[in-house]
N, C-alpha and C. Protein backbone atom coordinates (compact mmCIF):
# COMPACT_ATOMS: atom_id res chain seq x y z
N MET A 1 0.84 -1.18 0.00
CA MET A 1 0.00 0.00 0.00
C MET A 1 0.88 1.24 0.00
N PHE A 2 0.48 2.23 -0.78
CA PHE A 2 1.20 3.50 -0.88
C PHE A 2 0.25 4.64 -0.52
N ILE A 3 0.82 5.68 0.04
CA ILE A 3 0.05 6.86 0.41
C ILE A 3 0.47 8.00 -0.50
N VAL A 4 -0.51 8.68 -1.11
CA VAL A 4 -0.23 9.81 -1.99
C VAL A 4 -0.79 11.06 -1.33
N GLY A 5 0.08 11.96 -0.93
CA GLY A 5 -0.32 13.25 -0.40
C GLY A 5 -0.30 14.27 -1.53
N ILE A 6 -1.36 15.03 -1.66
CA ILE A 6 -1.44 16.01 -2.74
C ILE A 6 -1.75 17.38 -2.16
N ASP A 7 -0.83 18.31 -2.39
CA ASP A 7 -1.05 19.70 -2.01
C ASP A 7 -1.72 20.38 -3.19
N ILE A 8 -2.92 20.87 -2.98
CA ILE A 8 -3.75 21.43 -4.04
C ILE A 8 -3.43 22.91 -4.24
N ALA A 9 -3.41 23.31 -5.50
CA ALA A 9 -3.23 24.73 -5.84
C ALA A 9 -4.04 25.03 -7.10
N LYS A 10 -4.10 26.29 -7.44
CA LYS A 10 -4.93 26.73 -8.56
C LYS A 10 -4.47 26.13 -9.89
N ARG A 11 -3.20 26.28 -10.22
CA ARG A 11 -2.71 25.87 -11.54
C ARG A 11 -2.02 24.50 -11.54
N SER A 12 -1.32 24.19 -10.47
CA SER A 12 -0.64 22.89 -10.41
C SER A 12 -0.63 22.38 -8.98
N HIS A 13 -0.60 21.06 -8.87
CA HIS A 13 -0.59 20.39 -7.58
C HIS A 13 0.79 19.77 -7.38
N GLU A 14 1.11 19.49 -6.13
CA GLU A 14 2.35 18.80 -5.79
C GLU A 14 1.97 17.49 -5.12
N ALA A 15 2.58 16.39 -5.55
CA ALA A 15 2.27 15.08 -4.99
C ALA A 15 3.51 14.45 -4.36
N CYS A 16 3.27 13.69 -3.33
CA CYS A 16 4.31 12.94 -2.63
C CYS A 16 3.77 11.53 -2.44
N ILE A 17 4.55 10.53 -2.82
CA ILE A 17 4.13 9.14 -2.66
C ILE A 17 5.03 8.47 -1.64
N LEU A 18 4.40 8.00 -0.57
CA LEU A 18 5.14 7.33 0.51
C LEU A 18 4.75 5.87 0.59
N THR A 19 5.68 5.06 1.09
CA THR A 19 5.36 3.68 1.46
C THR A 19 4.69 3.73 2.82
N ARG A 20 4.14 2.61 3.27
CA ARG A 20 3.52 2.54 4.60
C ARG A 20 4.53 2.82 5.71
N ASP A 21 5.82 2.60 5.41
CA ASP A 21 6.88 2.86 6.40
C ASP A 21 7.31 4.32 6.43
N GLY A 22 6.79 5.14 5.50
CA GLY A 22 7.13 6.55 5.47
C GLY A 22 8.28 6.90 4.56
N ASP A 23 8.76 5.93 3.79
CA ASP A 23 9.83 6.20 2.83
C ASP A 23 9.24 6.73 1.53
N PHE A 24 10.01 7.54 0.82
CA PHE A 24 9.56 8.04 -0.48
C PHE A 24 9.58 6.92 -1.51
N ALA A 25 8.47 6.72 -2.20
CA ALA A 25 8.44 5.77 -3.31
C ALA A 25 9.02 6.42 -4.56
N VAL A 26 8.75 7.70 -4.74
CA VAL A 26 9.35 8.54 -5.78
C VAL A 26 9.53 9.94 -5.19
N LYS A 27 10.37 10.74 -5.82
CA LYS A 27 10.54 12.12 -5.37
C LYS A 27 9.24 12.89 -5.57
N PRO A 28 8.94 13.86 -4.70
CA PRO A 28 7.75 14.69 -4.91
C PRO A 28 7.79 15.33 -6.31
N PHE A 29 6.61 15.48 -6.90
CA PHE A 29 6.54 16.01 -8.26
C PHE A 29 5.30 16.88 -8.42
N LYS A 30 5.36 17.78 -9.39
CA LYS A 30 4.24 18.66 -9.72
C LYS A 30 3.47 18.10 -10.90
N PHE A 31 2.17 18.38 -10.92
CA PHE A 31 1.36 18.08 -12.10
C PHE A 31 0.29 19.15 -12.21
N THR A 32 -0.05 19.50 -13.43
CA THR A 32 -0.98 20.60 -13.67
C THR A 32 -2.41 20.19 -13.33
N ASN A 33 -3.22 21.20 -13.06
CA ASN A 33 -4.61 20.99 -12.66
C ASN A 33 -5.49 20.89 -13.91
N ASP A 34 -5.22 19.88 -14.72
CA ASP A 34 -5.98 19.64 -15.95
C ASP A 34 -5.82 18.17 -16.36
N THR A 35 -6.39 17.81 -17.49
CA THR A 35 -6.33 16.41 -17.94
C THR A 35 -4.90 15.95 -18.17
N LYS A 36 -4.09 16.81 -18.76
CA LYS A 36 -2.68 16.46 -19.00
C LYS A 36 -1.97 16.17 -17.67
N GLY A 37 -2.25 16.98 -16.66
CA GLY A 37 -1.65 16.77 -15.35
C GLY A 37 -2.14 15.48 -14.70
N PHE A 38 -3.43 15.19 -14.84
CA PHE A 38 -3.97 13.95 -14.28
C PHE A 38 -3.30 12.74 -14.93
N ASN A 39 -3.10 12.82 -16.24
CA ASN A 39 -2.41 11.73 -16.93
C ASN A 39 -0.98 11.58 -16.45
N LYS A 40 -0.32 12.70 -16.14
CA LYS A 40 1.03 12.62 -15.57
C LYS A 40 1.00 11.92 -14.22
N LEU A 41 0.01 12.27 -13.39
CA LEU A 41 -0.14 11.61 -12.09
C LEU A 41 -0.29 10.10 -12.28
N LEU A 42 -1.16 9.69 -13.19
CA LEU A 42 -1.36 8.26 -13.45
C LEU A 42 -0.08 7.59 -13.94
N THR A 43 0.67 8.28 -14.78
CA THR A 43 1.94 7.73 -15.30
C THR A 43 2.93 7.49 -14.17
N VAL A 44 3.07 8.48 -13.27
CA VAL A 44 3.99 8.32 -12.14
C VAL A 44 3.51 7.20 -11.22
N LEU A 45 2.21 7.16 -10.93
CA LEU A 45 1.67 6.08 -10.09
C LEU A 45 1.96 4.72 -10.71
N ASN A 46 1.82 4.63 -12.02
CA ASN A 46 2.05 3.38 -12.74
C ASN A 46 3.50 2.91 -12.61
N THR A 47 4.45 3.84 -12.47
CA THR A 47 5.85 3.44 -12.29
C THR A 47 6.08 2.81 -10.91
N VAL A 48 5.22 3.19 -9.95
CA VAL A 48 5.32 2.64 -8.59
C VAL A 48 4.58 1.31 -8.52
N ASN A 49 3.34 1.31 -9.03
CA ASN A 49 2.52 0.09 -9.06
C ASN A 49 1.37 0.32 -10.04
N PRO A 50 1.18 -0.55 -11.01
CA PRO A 50 0.12 -0.33 -12.00
C PRO A 50 -1.30 -0.52 -11.47
N ASP A 51 -1.44 -1.04 -10.26
CA ASP A 51 -2.76 -1.28 -9.66
C ASP A 51 -3.15 -0.07 -8.80
N LEU A 52 -4.09 0.73 -9.27
CA LEU A 52 -4.50 1.95 -8.56
C LEU A 52 -5.08 1.65 -7.18
N SER A 53 -5.56 0.44 -6.97
CA SER A 53 -6.12 0.09 -5.66
C SER A 53 -5.02 -0.04 -4.59
N CYS A 54 -3.77 0.01 -4.99
CA CYS A 54 -2.66 -0.05 -4.04
C CYS A 54 -2.32 1.32 -3.46
N PHE A 55 -3.08 2.34 -3.85
CA PHE A 55 -2.81 3.70 -3.40
C PHE A 55 -3.98 4.24 -2.58
N GLU A 56 -3.64 5.02 -1.57
CA GLU A 56 -4.62 5.75 -0.78
C GLU A 56 -4.23 7.22 -0.91
N PHE A 57 -5.18 8.06 -1.28
CA PHE A 57 -4.91 9.46 -1.58
C PHE A 57 -5.40 10.37 -0.46
N GLY A 58 -4.64 11.40 -0.20
CA GLY A 58 -5.05 12.46 0.71
C GLY A 58 -4.79 13.79 0.04
N MET A 59 -5.75 14.69 0.16
CA MET A 59 -5.57 16.03 -0.41
C MET A 59 -6.27 17.04 0.48
N ASP A 60 -5.78 18.28 0.40
CA ASP A 60 -6.43 19.32 1.18
C ASP A 60 -7.52 19.98 0.34
N ALA A 61 -8.54 20.45 1.02
CA ALA A 61 -9.69 21.06 0.35
C ALA A 61 -9.43 22.56 0.19
N THR A 62 -8.57 22.91 -0.75
CA THR A 62 -8.21 24.30 -1.00
C THR A 62 -9.15 24.89 -2.04
N GLY A 63 -9.97 25.84 -1.60
CA GLY A 63 -10.93 26.47 -2.51
C GLY A 63 -11.76 25.40 -3.21
N HIS A 64 -11.93 25.56 -4.50
CA HIS A 64 -12.63 24.56 -5.31
C HIS A 64 -11.66 23.81 -6.22
N TYR A 65 -10.37 24.08 -6.09
CA TYR A 65 -9.36 23.56 -7.02
C TYR A 65 -9.14 22.06 -6.90
N TRP A 66 -9.60 21.45 -5.83
CA TRP A 66 -9.42 20.03 -5.60
C TRP A 66 -10.54 19.19 -6.24
N LEU A 67 -11.66 19.81 -6.57
CA LEU A 67 -12.84 19.07 -6.98
C LEU A 67 -12.64 18.21 -8.23
N ASN A 68 -12.03 18.76 -9.28
CA ASN A 68 -11.85 17.97 -10.51
C ASN A 68 -10.99 16.73 -10.26
N LEU A 69 -9.90 16.92 -9.55
CA LEU A 69 -9.01 15.79 -9.25
C LEU A 69 -9.73 14.76 -8.38
N TYR A 70 -10.42 15.22 -7.37
CA TYR A 70 -11.17 14.33 -6.50
C TYR A 70 -12.18 13.50 -7.30
N CYS A 71 -12.97 14.17 -8.12
CA CYS A 71 -14.00 13.47 -8.90
C CYS A 71 -13.37 12.44 -9.85
N LYS A 72 -12.26 12.79 -10.45
CA LYS A 72 -11.60 11.86 -11.38
C LYS A 72 -11.06 10.65 -10.63
N LEU A 73 -10.46 10.86 -9.47
CA LEU A 73 -9.95 9.73 -8.68
C LEU A 73 -11.09 8.83 -8.20
N VAL A 74 -12.19 9.43 -7.77
CA VAL A 74 -13.35 8.64 -7.35
C VAL A 74 -13.90 7.85 -8.53
N GLU A 75 -13.91 8.46 -9.71
CA GLU A 75 -14.35 7.77 -10.92
C GLU A 75 -13.49 6.53 -11.18
N PHE A 76 -12.22 6.61 -10.83
CA PHE A 76 -11.29 5.48 -11.00
C PHE A 76 -11.35 4.53 -9.81
N LYS A 77 -12.32 4.73 -8.90
CA LYS A 77 -12.54 3.89 -7.72
C LYS A 77 -11.39 3.95 -6.71
N ALA A 78 -10.69 5.09 -6.67
CA ALA A 78 -9.59 5.26 -5.72
C ALA A 78 -10.13 5.66 -4.35
N VAL A 79 -9.37 5.33 -3.31
CA VAL A 79 -9.69 5.75 -1.95
C VAL A 79 -9.09 7.14 -1.77
N VAL A 80 -9.97 8.12 -1.52
CA VAL A 80 -9.52 9.52 -1.42
C VAL A 80 -10.02 10.12 -0.12
N HIS A 81 -9.11 10.74 0.62
CA HIS A 81 -9.44 11.45 1.85
C HIS A 81 -9.23 12.94 1.61
N VAL A 82 -10.25 13.72 1.87
CA VAL A 82 -10.16 15.17 1.72
C VAL A 82 -10.12 15.76 3.13
N ILE A 83 -9.05 16.51 3.39
CA ILE A 83 -8.88 17.08 4.73
C ILE A 83 -8.87 18.61 4.65
N ASN A 84 -9.14 19.21 5.78
CA ASN A 84 -9.09 20.66 5.88
C ASN A 84 -7.63 21.09 5.94
N PRO A 85 -7.21 22.12 5.19
CA PRO A 85 -5.81 22.57 5.22
C PRO A 85 -5.33 22.97 6.62
N VAL A 86 -6.24 23.31 7.52
CA VAL A 86 -5.86 23.67 8.89
C VAL A 86 -5.16 22.48 9.56
N GLN A 87 -5.58 21.24 9.22
CA GLN A 87 -4.96 20.06 9.83
C GLN A 87 -3.50 19.91 9.42
N SER A 88 -3.21 20.12 8.13
CA SER A 88 -1.82 20.00 7.68
C SER A 88 -0.99 21.15 8.24
N ASP A 89 -1.58 22.33 8.38
CA ASP A 89 -0.87 23.45 8.99
C ASP A 89 -0.48 23.14 10.42
N ALA A 90 -1.39 22.50 11.15
CA ALA A 90 -1.12 22.16 12.55
C ALA A 90 0.01 21.13 12.65
N LEU A 91 0.04 20.15 11.77
CA LEU A 91 1.08 19.14 11.82
C LEU A 91 2.46 19.71 11.48
N ARG A 92 2.50 20.75 10.66
CA ARG A 92 3.78 21.36 10.29
C ARG A 92 4.55 21.76 11.54
N GLY A 93 3.84 22.12 12.61
CA GLY A 93 4.48 22.52 13.86
C GLY A 93 5.28 21.41 14.52
N LEU A 94 5.03 20.16 14.15
CA LEU A 94 5.77 19.04 14.73
C LEU A 94 7.14 18.85 14.10
N TYR A 95 7.35 19.45 12.94
CA TYR A 95 8.62 19.29 12.24
C TYR A 95 9.57 20.41 12.65
N ILE A 96 10.85 20.09 12.71
CA ILE A 96 11.85 21.06 13.16
C ILE A 96 11.87 22.29 12.24
N ARG A 97 11.90 22.04 10.96
CA ARG A 97 11.88 23.14 10.00
C ARG A 97 10.44 23.40 9.62
N LYS A 98 9.90 24.46 10.10
CA LYS A 98 8.48 24.77 9.89
C LYS A 98 8.28 25.56 8.60
N THR A 99 8.91 25.09 7.54
CA THR A 99 8.82 25.78 6.26
C THR A 99 7.50 25.49 5.59
N LYS A 100 7.06 26.43 4.80
CA LYS A 100 5.83 26.27 4.02
C LYS A 100 6.22 26.20 2.56
N ASN A 101 6.13 25.03 1.98
CA ASN A 101 6.30 24.88 0.54
C ASN A 101 5.50 23.68 0.09
N ASP A 102 5.21 23.64 -1.22
CA ASP A 102 4.31 22.61 -1.74
C ASP A 102 4.85 21.20 -1.53
N SER A 103 6.16 21.03 -1.70
CA SER A 103 6.76 19.71 -1.55
C SER A 103 6.61 19.22 -0.11
N LYS A 104 6.89 20.07 0.85
CA LYS A 104 6.77 19.72 2.26
C LYS A 104 5.30 19.49 2.62
N ASP A 105 4.40 20.31 2.07
CA ASP A 105 2.98 20.16 2.37
C ASP A 105 2.43 18.83 1.85
N SER A 106 2.85 18.40 0.67
CA SER A 106 2.37 17.11 0.16
C SER A 106 2.88 15.97 1.04
N PHE A 107 4.09 16.10 1.56
CA PHE A 107 4.63 15.10 2.49
C PHE A 107 3.82 15.08 3.78
N ILE A 108 3.50 16.26 4.32
CA ILE A 108 2.73 16.35 5.56
C ILE A 108 1.35 15.72 5.38
N ILE A 109 0.71 15.99 4.23
CA ILE A 109 -0.60 15.40 3.96
C ILE A 109 -0.50 13.87 3.89
N ALA A 110 0.53 13.37 3.21
CA ALA A 110 0.73 11.92 3.13
C ALA A 110 0.95 11.33 4.52
N ASP A 111 1.73 12.03 5.34
CA ASP A 111 1.99 11.57 6.70
C ASP A 111 0.71 11.54 7.53
N LEU A 112 -0.12 12.57 7.40
CA LEU A 112 -1.41 12.58 8.10
C LEU A 112 -2.23 11.34 7.77
N ILE A 113 -2.29 11.02 6.49
CA ILE A 113 -3.06 9.85 6.04
C ILE A 113 -2.40 8.57 6.55
N ARG A 114 -1.08 8.51 6.45
CA ARG A 114 -0.35 7.32 6.87
C ARG A 114 -0.59 7.00 8.34
N PHE A 115 -0.58 8.03 9.18
CA PHE A 115 -0.80 7.83 10.61
C PHE A 115 -2.27 7.74 10.98
N GLY A 116 -3.17 8.10 10.06
CA GLY A 116 -4.59 8.06 10.36
C GLY A 116 -5.01 9.14 11.33
N ARG A 117 -4.27 10.23 11.39
CA ARG A 117 -4.53 11.31 12.35
C ARG A 117 -5.16 12.52 11.65
N TYR A 118 -6.31 12.32 11.07
CA TYR A 118 -7.00 13.39 10.35
C TYR A 118 -8.49 13.19 10.51
N SER A 119 -9.21 14.25 10.23
CA SER A 119 -10.66 14.11 10.13
C SER A 119 -11.04 14.61 8.75
N GLU A 120 -11.89 13.86 8.10
CA GLU A 120 -12.23 14.18 6.73
C GLU A 120 -13.23 15.32 6.64
N THR A 121 -13.10 16.08 5.56
CA THR A 121 -14.06 17.12 5.26
C THR A 121 -15.35 16.45 4.81
N ALA A 122 -16.49 16.90 5.31
CA ALA A 122 -17.77 16.31 4.92
C ALA A 122 -18.06 16.64 3.46
N LEU A 123 -18.38 15.61 2.69
CA LEU A 123 -18.65 15.76 1.27
C LEU A 123 -20.01 15.17 0.95
N SER A 124 -20.62 15.69 -0.10
CA SER A 124 -21.85 15.06 -0.54
C SER A 124 -21.50 13.81 -1.34
N ASP A 125 -22.46 12.98 -1.60
CA ASP A 125 -22.26 11.74 -2.34
C ASP A 125 -21.81 12.07 -3.76
N PRO A 126 -20.62 11.56 -4.18
CA PRO A 126 -20.12 11.87 -5.52
C PRO A 126 -20.83 11.13 -6.64
N THR A 127 -21.75 10.22 -6.31
CA THR A 127 -22.45 9.45 -7.31
C THR A 127 -23.37 10.38 -8.11
N PRO A 128 -23.21 10.40 -9.45
CA PRO A 128 -24.07 11.29 -10.26
C PRO A 128 -25.54 10.85 -10.20
N LEU A 129 -26.39 11.82 -10.31
CA LEU A 129 -27.83 11.53 -10.35
C LEU A 129 -28.20 10.92 -11.70
N PRO A 130 -29.23 10.06 -11.74
CA PRO A 130 -29.61 9.43 -13.01
C PRO A 130 -30.21 10.43 -13.99
């Protein structure tokens, strides 16, 4: 099982893929907030493991910029946890270097999911109406 932390932004997102032990499966990487970027995410995931069910995703609910990615991952039957950015901000205080950058934030989000120390943002049912 792998944990994917995604720091959401308007134009591009930053992803970090960790093993269950907290080791990096690949270096953190950016992908654009569009179809081309989603395909890049899938390509990188495929280099780690071609089975999408081996990944658990965590992302912060920044504005509305997370919605397209969330819906696409749900469409692919992925396990996705949406957290409030306040939670990742709070965890940053546990690290010696309290820097704010996308790469560090994606790691913090992945760590939150890995440890199970988060509360999910309440979402409506993503199932489309008939």
